[in-house]
């Protein structure tokens, strides 16, 4: 979690989706800038469709991504191919 990744942009989008939808956000990645973990925990309390998993072992992170239907890249500096 750090500013350049715009980690909470997905929550702006989630607010536009009806709460009756089945969309759930699982956020992977550790805190790299102070204060972001606190914000992620606050969001989990406010938004039941959002779960922050923090930093996970690579195999578990890859498994979760593989089980997902969509990957959202909110980075302001990286392109999709270099991340995925």
C-alpha atoms as a PDB file:
ATOM      1  CA  UNK A   1       0.000   0.000   0.000  1.00  0.00           C
ATOM      2  CA  UNK A   2       1.510   3.258  -1.147  1.00  0.00           C
ATOM      3  CA  UNK A   3       0.382   6.463  -2.828  1.00  0.00           C
ATOM      4  CA  UNK A   4       1.739   5.754  -6.313  1.00  0.00           C
ATOM      5  CA  UNK A   5      -0.444   2.638  -6.476  1.00  0.00           C
ATOM      6  CA  UNK A   6      -3.608   4.626  -5.639  1.00  0.00           C
ATOM      7  CA  UNK A   7      -4.698   1.690  -3.474  1.00  0.00           C
ATOM      8  CA  UNK A   8      -8.161   2.921  -2.582  1.00  0.00           C
ATOM      9  CA  UNK A   9      -9.284   3.978  -6.057  1.00  0.00           C
ATOM     10  CA  UNK A  10     -11.155   0.694  -6.381  1.00  0.00           C
ATOM     11  CA  UNK A  11     -13.338   1.731  -3.453  1.00  0.00           C
ATOM     12  CA  UNK A  12     -14.512   4.786  -5.382  1.00  0.00           C
ATOM     13  CA  UNK A  13     -15.638   2.423  -8.133  1.00  0.00           C
ATOM     14  CA  UNK A  14     -17.195   0.029  -5.644  1.00  0.00           C
ATOM     15  CA  UNK A  15     -19.437   2.811  -4.344  1.00  0.00           C
ATOM     16  CA  UNK A  16     -20.936   3.067  -7.837  1.00  0.00           C
ATOM     17  CA  UNK A  17     -21.891  -0.616  -7.891  1.00  0.00           C
ATOM     18  CA  UNK A  18     -25.139  -1.645  -6.200  1.00  0.00           C
ATOM     19  CA  UNK A  19     -24.646  -3.328  -2.832  1.00  0.00           C
ATOM     20  CA  UNK A  20     -26.811  -6.164  -4.130  1.00  0.00           C
ATOM     21  CA  UNK A  21     -24.119  -7.135  -6.643  1.00  0.00           C
ATOM     22  CA  UNK A  22     -21.882 -10.102  -5.942  1.00  0.00           C
ATOM     23  CA  UNK A  23     -18.706  -8.098  -6.502  1.00  0.00           C
ATOM     24  CA  UNK A  24     -16.123  -8.424  -3.770  1.00  0.00           C
ATOM     25  CA  UNK A  25     -12.719  -6.732  -3.623  1.00  0.00           C
ATOM     26  CA  UNK A  26      -9.798  -8.682  -2.194  1.00  0.00           C
ATOM     27  CA  UNK A  27      -6.821  -6.359  -1.858  1.00  0.00           C
ATOM     28  CA  UNK A  28      -3.372  -7.933  -1.745  1.00  0.00           C
ATOM     29  CA  UNK A  29      -0.150  -6.238  -0.675  1.00  0.00           C
ATOM     30  CA  UNK A  30       1.600  -4.952   2.396  1.00  0.00           C
ATOM     31  CA  UNK A  31       1.883  -1.418   3.697  1.00  0.00           C
ATOM     32  CA  UNK A  32       4.864   0.387   2.149  1.00  0.00           C
ATOM     33  CA  UNK A  33       3.943   3.897   3.327  1.00  0.00           C
ATOM     34  CA  UNK A  34       2.822   4.736   6.843  1.00  0.00           C
ATOM     35  CA  UNK A  35      -0.896   5.132   7.444  1.00  0.00           C
ATOM     36  CA  UNK A  36      -2.153   2.989   4.601  1.00  0.00           C
ATOM     37  CA  UNK A  37      -2.701  -0.150   6.682  1.00  0.00           C
ATOM     38  CA  UNK A  38      -4.814   1.881   9.086  1.00  0.00           C
ATOM     39  CA  UNK A  39      -6.890   3.202   6.186  1.00  0.00           C
ATOM     40  CA  UNK A  40      -7.317  -0.309   4.773  1.00  0.00           C
ATOM     41  CA  UNK A  41      -8.566  -1.562   8.143  1.00  0.00           C
ATOM     42  CA  UNK A  42     -10.991   1.367   8.364  1.00  0.00           C
ATOM     43  CA  UNK A  43     -12.301   0.547   4.889  1.00  0.00           C
ATOM     44  CA  UNK A  44     -12.865  -3.080   5.859  1.00  0.00           C
ATOM     45  CA  UNK A  45     -15.080  -1.905   8.699  1.00  0.00           C
ATOM     46  CA  UNK A  46     -17.031   0.527   6.513  1.00  0.00           C
ATOM     47  CA  UNK A  47     -17.316  -1.563   3.346  1.00  0.00           C
ATOM     48  CA  UNK A  48     -18.206  -5.242   3.804  1.00  0.00           C
ATOM     49  CA  UNK A  49     -17.348  -6.007   0.157  1.00  0.00           C
ATOM     50  CA  UNK A  50     -13.690  -4.987   0.722  1.00  0.00           C
ATOM     51  CA  UNK A  51     -11.078  -7.248   2.292  1.00  0.00           C
ATOM     52  CA  UNK A  52      -7.420  -6.358   2.667  1.00  0.00           C
ATOM     53  CA  UNK A  53      -5.250  -9.469   2.921  1.00  0.00           C
ATOM     54  CA  UNK A  54      -1.972  -7.609   3.596  1.00  0.00           C
ATOM     55  CA  UNK A  55       1.189  -9.234   2.290  1.00  0.00           C
ATOM     56  CA  UNK A  56       0.802 -12.927   1.509  1.00  0.00           C
ATOM     57  CA  UNK A  57       3.275 -15.606   0.491  1.00  0.00           C
ATOM     58  CA  UNK A  58       3.681 -15.525  -3.294  1.00  0.00           C
ATOM     59  CA  UNK A  59       1.989 -18.921  -3.914  1.00  0.00           C
ATOM     60  CA  UNK A  60      -1.097 -17.853  -1.943  1.00  0.00           C
ATOM     61  CA  UNK A  61      -1.261 -14.474  -3.701  1.00  0.00           C
ATOM     62  CA  UNK A  62      -0.995 -16.150  -7.109  1.00  0.00           C
ATOM     63  CA  UNK A  63      -3.696 -18.639  -6.133  1.00  0.00           C
ATOM     64  CA  UNK A  64      -6.071 -15.852  -5.120  1.00  0.00           C
ATOM     65  CA  UNK A  65      -5.393 -13.996  -8.344  1.00  0.00           C
ATOM     66  CA  UNK A  66      -5.991 -17.185 -10.303  1.00  0.00           C
ATOM     67  CA  UNK A  67      -9.362 -17.689  -8.600  1.00  0.00           C
ATOM     68  CA  UNK A  68     -10.432 -14.119  -9.371  1.00  0.00           C
ATOM     69  CA  UNK A  69     -12.601 -13.022 -12.261  1.00  0.00           C
ATOM     70  CA  UNK A  70     -10.959  -9.623 -12.567  1.00  0.00           C
ATOM     71  CA  UNK A  71      -7.693  -7.938 -11.649  1.00  0.00           C
ATOM     72  CA  UNK A  72      -7.730  -4.183 -11.140  1.00  0.00           C
ATOM     73  CA  UNK A  73      -4.477  -2.306 -11.596  1.00  0.00           C
ATOM     74  CA  UNK A  74      -4.696   1.198 -10.113  1.00  0.00           C
ATOM     75  CA  UNK A  75      -1.002   2.076 -10.293  1.00  0.00           C
ATOM     76  CA  UNK A  76      -0.204   5.550 -11.567  1.00  0.00           C
ATOM     77  CA  UNK A  77       3.245   4.488 -12.762  1.00  0.00           C
ATOM     78  CA  UNK A  78       3.170   0.899 -13.998  1.00  0.00           C
ATOM     79  CA  UNK A  79       1.524  -0.608 -17.026  1.00  0.00           C
ATOM     80  CA  UNK A  80      -0.454  -3.833 -16.835  1.00  0.00           C
ATOM     81  CA  UNK A  81       1.999  -6.077 -18.715  1.00  0.00           C
ATOM     82  CA  UNK A  82       4.839  -5.327 -16.308  1.00  0.00           C
ATOM     83  CA  UNK A  83       2.671  -6.188 -13.321  1.00  0.00           C
ATOM     84  CA  UNK A  84       0.664  -9.163 -14.515  1.00  0.00           C
END
